[in-house]
């Protein structure tokens, strides 16, 4: 929760959790720790957003200056 307040994206917070949990699992496997404390923490959720796509007209507008440079 503190990482989210610091301005990190939900995706970044999830990645931090995943890496930390994995590293601690290796420590348990290597018998450096008895248990993984991160295993008791649920993976943070991430809000899913619909992807924004360009319309056909927007694509044409975006590519139109490129078409002019090919013919010169």
PDB file of N, CA and C in Angstrom:
ATOM      1  N   UNK A   1       0.813  -1.195   0.000  1.00  0.00           N
ATOM      2  CA  UNK A   1       0.000   0.000   0.000  1.00  0.00           C
ATOM      3  C   UNK A   1       0.864   1.269   0.000  1.00  0.00           C
ATOM      4  N   UNK A   2       1.986   1.227   0.709  1.00  0.00           N
ATOM      5  CA  UNK A   2       2.853   2.397   0.740  1.00  0.00           C
ATOM      6  C   UNK A   2       3.435   2.701  -0.625  1.00  0.00           C
ATOM      7  N   UNK A   3       3.727   1.651  -1.400  1.00  0.00           N
ATOM      8  CA  UNK A   3       4.292   1.865  -2.732  1.00  0.00           C
ATOM      9  C   UNK A   3       3.280   2.556  -3.633  1.00  0.00           C
ATOM     10  N   UNK A   4       2.004   2.211  -3.488  1.00  0.00           N
ATOM     11  CA  UNK A   4       0.993   2.866  -4.318  1.00  0.00           C
ATOM     12  C   UNK A   4       0.875   4.337  -3.961  1.00  0.00           C
ATOM     13  N   UNK A   5       0.981   4.646  -2.685  1.00  0.00           N
ATOM     14  CA  UNK A   5       0.906   6.045  -2.262  1.00  0.00           C
ATOM     15  C   UNK A   5       2.108   6.837  -2.751  1.00  0.00           C
ATOM     16  N   UNK A   6       3.216   6.165  -2.983  1.00  0.00           N
ATOM     17  CA  UNK A   6       4.420   6.869  -3.431  1.00  0.00           C
ATOM     18  C   UNK A   6       4.379   7.168  -4.927  1.00  0.00           C
ATOM     19  N   UNK A   7       3.322   6.770  -5.604  1.00  0.00           N
ATOM     20  CA  UNK A   7       3.170   7.111  -7.005  1.00  0.00           C
ATOM     21  C   UNK A   7       3.500   5.990  -7.972  1.00  0.00           C
ATOM     22  N   UNK A   8       3.815   4.798  -7.474  1.00  0.00           N
ATOM     23  CA  UNK A   8       4.096   3.681  -8.377  1.00  0.00           C
ATOM     24  C   UNK A   8       2.799   3.137  -8.952  1.00  0.00           C
ATOM     25  N   UNK A   9       2.856   2.657 -10.185  1.00  0.00           N
ATOM     26  CA  UNK A   9       1.668   2.086 -10.811  1.00  0.00           C
ATOM     27  C   UNK A   9       1.328   0.742 -10.174  1.00  0.00           C
ATOM     28  N   UNK A  10       0.084   0.317 -10.325  1.00  0.00           N
ATOM     29  CA  UNK A  10      -0.356  -0.968  -9.787  1.00  0.00           C
ATOM     30  C   UNK A  10       0.459  -2.107 -10.385  1.00  0.00           C
ATOM     31  N   UNK A  11       0.811  -1.995 -11.634  1.00  0.00           N
ATOM     32  CA  UNK A  11       1.616  -3.017 -12.299  1.00  0.00           C
ATOM     33  C   UNK A  11       2.994  -3.134 -11.660  1.00  0.00           C
ATOM     34  N   UNK A  12       3.603  -2.002 -11.343  1.00  0.00           N
ATOM     35  CA  UNK A  12       4.919  -2.005 -10.710  1.00  0.00           C
ATOM     36  C   UNK A  12       4.849  -2.621  -9.323  1.00  0.00           C
ATOM     37  N   UNK A  13       3.809  -2.289  -8.572  1.00  0.00           N
ATOM     38  CA  UNK A  13       3.638  -2.846  -7.232  1.00  0.00           C
ATOM     39  C   UNK A  13       3.473  -4.363  -7.315  1.00  0.00           C
ATOM     40  N   UNK A  14       2.720  -4.833  -8.293  1.00  0.00           N
ATOM     41  CA  UNK A  14       2.535  -6.281  -8.478  1.00  0.00           C
ATOM     42  C   UNK A  14       3.872  -6.951  -8.819  1.00  0.00           C
ATOM     43  N   UNK A  15       4.664  -6.318  -9.653  1.00  0.00           N
ATOM     44  CA  UNK A  15       5.962  -6.879 -10.021  1.00  0.00           C
ATOM     45  C   UNK A  15       6.886  -6.943  -8.810  1.00  0.00           C
ATOM     46  N   UNK A  16       6.903  -5.896  -8.008  1.00  0.00           N
ATOM     47  CA  UNK A  16       7.722  -5.894  -6.789  1.00  0.00           C
ATOM     48  C   UNK A  16       7.316  -7.050  -5.886  1.00  0.00           C
ATOM     49  N   UNK A  17       6.019  -7.237  -5.705  1.00  0.00           N
ATOM     50  CA  UNK A  17       5.519  -8.323  -4.854  1.00  0.00           C
ATOM     51  C   UNK A  17       5.958  -9.683  -5.397  1.00  0.00           C
ATOM     52  N   UNK A  18       5.818  -9.880  -6.686  1.00  0.00           N
ATOM     53  CA  UNK A  18       6.164 -11.156  -7.310  1.00  0.00           C
ATOM     54  C   UNK A  18       7.653 -11.461  -7.152  1.00  0.00           C
ATOM     55  N   UNK A  19       8.503 -10.476  -7.403  1.00  0.00           N
ATOM     56  CA  UNK A  19       9.948 -10.673  -7.296  1.00  0.00           C
ATOM     57  C   UNK A  19      10.343 -10.947  -5.842  1.00  0.00           C
ATOM     58  N   UNK A  20       9.809 -10.162  -4.932  1.00  0.00           N
ATOM     59  CA  UNK A  20      10.131 -10.348  -3.519  1.00  0.00           C
ATOM     60  C   UNK A  20       9.710 -11.731  -3.029  1.00  0.00           C
ATOM     61  N   UNK A  21       8.510 -12.141  -3.424  1.00  0.00           N
ATOM     62  CA  UNK A  21       8.036 -13.459  -3.009  1.00  0.00           C
ATOM     63  C   UNK A  21       8.931 -14.563  -3.579  1.00  0.00           C
ATOM     64  N   UNK A  22       9.332 -14.426  -4.815  1.00  0.00           N
ATOM     65  CA  UNK A  22      10.204 -15.423  -5.449  1.00  0.00           C
ATOM     66  C   UNK A  22      11.557 -15.508  -4.765  1.00  0.00           C
ATOM     67  N   UNK A  23      12.126 -14.360  -4.440  1.00  0.00           N
ATOM     68  CA  UNK A  23      13.433 -14.325  -3.783  1.00  0.00           C
ATOM     69  C   UNK A  23      13.345 -14.994  -2.406  1.00  0.00           C
ATOM     70  N   UNK A  24      12.280 -14.715  -1.687  1.00  0.00           N
ATOM     71  CA  UNK A  24      12.116 -15.316  -0.364  1.00  0.00           C
ATOM     72  C   UNK A  24      11.865 -16.824  -0.461  1.00  0.00           C
ATOM     73  N   UNK A  25      11.223 -17.263  -1.527  1.00  0.00           N
ATOM     74  CA  UNK A  25      11.028 -18.705  -1.729  1.00  0.00           C
ATOM     75  C   UNK A  25      12.370 -19.411  -1.920  1.00  0.00           C
ATOM     76  N   UNK A  26      13.284 -18.774  -2.625  1.00  0.00           N
ATOM     77  CA  UNK A  26      14.621 -19.341  -2.807  1.00  0.00           C
ATOM     78  C   UNK A  26      15.327 -19.426  -1.460  1.00  0.00           C
ATOM     79  N   UNK A  27      15.175 -18.395  -0.624  1.00  0.00           N
ATOM     80  CA  UNK A  27      15.788 -18.411   0.702  1.00  0.00           C
ATOM     81  C   UNK A  27      15.229 -19.547   1.552  1.00  0.00           C
ATOM     82  N   UNK A  28      13.937 -19.829   1.440  1.00  0.00           N
ATOM     83  CA  UNK A  28      13.328 -20.954   2.168  1.00  0.00           C
ATOM     84  C   UNK A  28      13.870 -22.267   1.624  1.00  0.00           C
ATOM     85  N   UNK A  29      13.936 -22.380   0.316  1.00  0.00           N
ATOM     86  CA  UNK A  29      14.453 -23.595  -0.312  1.00  0.00           C
ATOM     87  C   UNK A  29      15.893 -23.879   0.101  1.00  0.00           C
ATOM     88  N   UNK A  30      16.683 -22.814   0.212  1.00  0.00           N
ATOM     89  CA  UNK A  30      18.087 -22.951   0.600  1.00  0.00           C
ATOM     90  C   UNK A  30      18.254 -23.021   2.120  1.00  0.00           C
ATOM     91  N   UNK A  31      17.158 -23.081   2.817  1.00  0.00           N
ATOM     92  CA  UNK A  31      17.103 -23.193   4.280  1.00  0.00           C
ATOM     93  C   UNK A  31      17.760 -22.007   4.988  1.00  0.00           C
ATOM     94  N   UNK A  32      17.668 -20.848   4.385  1.00  0.00           N
ATOM     95  CA  UNK A  32      18.130 -19.622   5.024  1.00  0.00           C
ATOM     96  C   UNK A  32      17.015 -19.003   5.864  1.00  0.00           C
ATOM     97  N   UNK A  33      15.782 -19.394   5.547  1.00  0.00           N
ATOM     98  CA  UNK A  33      14.594 -18.947   6.290  1.00  0.00           C
ATOM     99  C   UNK A  33      13.699 -20.162   6.502  1.00  0.00           C
ATOM    100  N   UNK A  34      12.912 -20.127   7.564  1.00  0.00           N
ATOM    101  CA  UNK A  34      11.991 -21.241   7.816  1.00  0.00           C
ATOM    102  C   UNK A  34      10.729 -21.148   6.975  1.00  0.00           C
ATOM    103  N   UNK A  35      10.269 -19.931   6.781  1.00  0.00           N
ATOM    104  CA  UNK A  35       9.057 -19.747   5.973  1.00  0.00           C
ATOM    105  C   UNK A  35       9.145 -18.440   5.206  1.00  0.00           C
ATOM    106  N   UNK A  36       8.300 -18.315   4.220  1.00  0.00           N
ATOM    107  CA  UNK A  36       8.270 -17.132   3.385  1.00  0.00           C
ATOM    108  C   UNK A  36       7.187 -16.189   3.911  1.00  0.00           C
ATOM    109  N   UNK A  37       7.549 -15.081   4.526  1.00  0.00           N
ATOM    110  CA  UNK A  37       6.534 -14.167   5.044  1.00  0.00           C
ATOM    111  C   UNK A  37       5.681 -13.529   3.943  1.00  0.00           C
ATOM    112  N   UNK A  38       6.204 -13.432   2.741  1.00  0.00           N
ATOM    113  CA  UNK A  38       5.446 -12.844   1.637  1.00  0.00           C
ATOM    114  C   UNK A  38       4.344 -13.776   1.159  1.00  0.00           C
ATOM    115  N   UNK A  39       4.425 -15.062   1.506  1.00  0.00           N
ATOM    116  CA  UNK A  39       3.392 -16.016   1.093  1.00  0.00           C
ATOM    117  C   UNK A  39       2.063 -15.722   1.776  1.00  0.00           C
ATOM    118  N   UNK A  40       2.100 -15.031   2.896  1.00  0.00           N
ATOM    119  CA  UNK A  40       0.884 -14.703   3.622  1.00  0.00           C
ATOM    120  C   UNK A  40       0.211 -13.433   3.102  1.00  0.00           C
ATOM    121  N   UNK A  41       0.866 -12.755   2.174  1.00  0.00           N
ATOM    122  CA  UNK A  41       0.341 -11.495   1.641  1.00  0.00           C
ATOM    123  C   UNK A  41      -0.268 -11.744   0.270  1.00  0.00           C
ATOM    124  N   UNK A  42      -1.511 -11.324   0.114  1.00  0.00           N
ATOM    125  CA  UNK A  42      -2.153 -11.480  -1.194  1.00  0.00           C
ATOM    126  C   UNK A  42      -1.514 -10.552  -2.210  1.00  0.00           C
ATOM    127  N   UNK A  43      -1.406 -11.040  -3.431  1.00  0.00           N
ATOM    128  CA  UNK A  43      -0.854 -10.231  -4.516  1.00  0.00           C
ATOM    129  C   UNK A  43      -1.783  -9.048  -4.763  1.00  0.00           C
ATOM    130  N   UNK A  44      -1.235  -7.840  -4.831  1.00  0.00           N
ATOM    131  CA  UNK A  44      -2.082  -6.662  -5.053  1.00  0.00           C
ATOM    132  C   UNK A  44      -2.818  -6.746  -6.386  1.00  0.00           C
ATOM    133  N   UNK A  45      -4.003  -6.235  -6.399  1.00  0.00           N
ATOM    134  CA  UNK A  45      -4.801  -6.218  -7.626  1.00  0.00           C
ATOM    135  C   UNK A  45      -4.383  -5.066  -8.526  1.00  0.00           C
ATOM    136  N   UNK A  46      -4.754  -5.189  -9.759  1.00  0.00           N
ATOM    137  CA  UNK A  46      -4.494  -4.112 -10.722  1.00  0.00           C
ATOM    138  C   UNK A  46      -5.770  -3.874 -11.506  1.00  0.00           C
ATOM    139  N   UNK A  47      -6.126  -2.625 -11.617  1.00  0.00           N
ATOM    140  CA  UNK A  47      -7.332  -2.269 -12.351  1.00  0.00           C
ATOM    141  C   UNK A  47      -7.098  -2.464 -13.844  1.00  0.00           C
ATOM    142  N   UNK A  48      -8.007  -3.132 -14.474  1.00  0.00           N
ATOM    143  CA  UNK A  48      -7.891  -3.348 -15.921  1.00  0.00           C
ATOM    144  C   UNK A  48      -8.608  -2.223 -16.650  1.00  0.00           C
ATOM    145  N   UNK A  49      -7.947  -1.732 -17.683  1.00  0.00           N
ATOM    146  CA  UNK A  49      -8.549  -0.670 -18.483  1.00  0.00           C
ATOM    147  C   UNK A  49      -8.665  -1.136 -19.924  1.00  0.00           C
ATOM    148  N   UNK A  50      -9.663  -0.662 -20.587  1.00  0.00           N
ATOM    149  CA  UNK A  50      -9.862  -0.977 -21.998  1.00  0.00           C
ATOM    150  C   UNK A  50      -8.809  -0.235 -22.817  1.00  0.00           C
ATOM    151  N   UNK A  51      -8.207  -0.918 -23.743  1.00  0.00           N
ATOM    152  CA  UNK A  51      -7.198  -0.298 -24.603  1.00  0.00           C
ATOM    153  C   UNK A  51      -7.857   0.719 -25.527  1.00  0.00           C
ATOM    154  N   UNK A  52      -7.159   1.793 -25.776  1.00  0.00           N
ATOM    155  CA  UNK A  52      -7.656   2.824 -26.689  1.00  0.00           C
ATOM    156  C   UNK A  52      -7.045   2.579 -28.070  1.00  0.00           C
ATOM    157  N   UNK A  53      -7.887   2.514 -29.068  1.00  0.00           N
ATOM    158  CA  UNK A  53      -7.442   2.260 -30.439  1.00  0.00           C
ATOM    159  C   UNK A  53      -7.709   3.479 -31.295  1.00  0.00           C
ATOM    160  N   UNK A  54      -6.882   3.641 -32.326  1.00  0.00           N
ATOM    161  CA  UNK A  54      -7.103   4.714 -33.287  1.00  0.00           C
ATOM    162  C   UNK A  54      -8.213   4.318 -34.250  1.00  0.00           C
ATOM    163  N   UNK A  55      -8.977   5.291 -34.665  1.00  0.00           N
ATOM    164  CA  UNK A  55      -9.995   5.047 -35.693  1.00  0.00           C
ATOM    165  C   UNK A  55      -9.290   5.030 -37.053  1.00  0.00           C
ATOM    166  N   UNK A  56      -9.993   4.587 -38.059  1.00  0.00           N
ATOM    167  CA  UNK A  56      -9.435   4.579 -39.413  1.00  0.00           C
ATOM    168  C   UNK A  56      -9.028   5.972 -39.859  1.00  0.00           C
ATOM    169  N   UNK A  57      -9.846   6.961 -39.548  1.00  0.00           N
ATOM    170  CA  UNK A  57      -9.538   8.348 -39.927  1.00  0.00           C
ATOM    171  C   UNK A  57      -8.290   8.842 -39.200  1.00  0.00           C
ATOM    172  N   UNK A  58      -8.130   8.476 -37.935  1.00  0.00           N
ATOM    173  CA  UNK A  58      -6.955   8.880 -37.185  1.00  0.00           C
ATOM    174  C   UNK A  58      -5.680   8.245 -37.759  1.00  0.00           C
ATOM    175  N   UNK A  59      -5.775   6.999 -38.171  1.00  0.00           N
ATOM    176  CA  UNK A  59      -4.630   6.323 -38.778  1.00  0.00           C
ATOM    177  C   UNK A  59      -4.249   7.014 -40.083  1.00  0.00           C
ATOM    178  N   UNK A  60      -5.243   7.345 -40.884  1.00  0.00           N
ATOM    179  CA  UNK A  60      -4.993   8.028 -42.155  1.00  0.00           C
ATOM    180  C   UNK A  60      -4.321   9.372 -41.913  1.00  0.00           C
ATOM    181  N   UNK A  61      -4.826  10.118 -40.936  1.00  0.00           N
ATOM    182  CA  UNK A  61      -4.235  11.418 -40.599  1.00  0.00           C
ATOM    183  C   UNK A  61      -2.808  11.244 -40.110  1.00  0.00           C
ATOM    184  N   UNK A  62      -2.590  10.253 -39.287  1.00  0.00           N
ATOM    185  CA  UNK A  62      -1.263  10.008 -38.739  1.00  0.00           C
ATOM    186  C   UNK A  62      -0.258   9.646 -39.829  1.00  0.00           C
ATOM    187  N   UNK A  63      -0.681   8.861 -40.796  1.00  0.00           N
ATOM    188  CA  UNK A  63       0.223   8.394 -41.845  1.00  0.00           C
ATOM    189  C   UNK A  63       0.291   9.306 -43.064  1.00  0.00           C
ATOM    190  N   UNK A  64      -0.595  10.239 -43.207  1.00  0.00           N
ATOM    191  CA  UNK A  64      -0.635  11.051 -44.424  1.00  0.00           C
ATOM    192  C   UNK A  64       0.639  11.844 -44.678  1.00  0.00           C
ATOM    193  N   UNK A  65       1.310  12.451 -43.726  1.00  0.00           N
ATOM    194  CA  UNK A  65       2.572  13.140 -44.041  1.00  0.00           C
ATOM    195  C   UNK A  65       3.652  12.176 -44.548  1.00  0.00           C
ATOM    196  N   UNK A  66       3.645  10.961 -44.120  1.00  0.00           N
ATOM    197  CA  UNK A  66       4.623   9.968 -44.573  1.00  0.00           C
ATOM    198  C   UNK A  66       4.441   9.641 -46.057  1.00  0.00           C
ATOM    199  N   UNK A  67       3.204   9.613 -46.487  1.00  0.00           N
ATOM    200  CA  UNK A  67       2.941   9.295 -47.905  1.00  0.00           C
ATOM    201  C   UNK A  67       3.551  10.337 -48.817  1.00  0.00           C
ATOM    202  N   UNK A  68       3.507  11.602 -48.431  1.00  0.00           N
ATOM    203  CA  UNK A  68       4.067  12.682 -49.241  1.00  0.00           C
ATOM    204  C   UNK A  68       5.573  12.613 -49.356  1.00  0.00           C
ATOM    205  N   UNK A  69       6.252  12.107 -48.335  1.00  0.00           N
ATOM    206  CA  UNK A  69       7.718  12.067 -48.362  1.00  0.00           C
ATOM    207  C   UNK A  69       8.253  10.930 -49.220  1.00  0.00           C
ATOM    208  N   UNK A  70       7.460   9.900 -49.483  1.00  0.00           N
ATOM    209  CA  UNK A  70       7.902   8.772 -50.315  1.00  0.00           C
ATOM    210  C   UNK A  70       8.003   9.150 -51.783  1.00  0.00           C
ATOM    211  N   UNK A  71       7.168  10.059 -52.235  1.00  0.00           N
ATOM    212  CA  UNK A  71       7.123  10.384 -53.658  1.00  0.00           C
ATOM    213  C   UNK A  71       8.175  11.400 -54.069  1.00  0.00           C
ATOM    214  N   UNK A  72       8.898  12.006 -53.131  1.00  0.00           N
ATOM    215  CA  UNK A  72       9.897  13.009 -53.514  1.00  0.00           C
ATOM    216  C   UNK A  72      11.267  12.438 -53.684  1.00  0.00           C
TER     217      UNK A  72
END
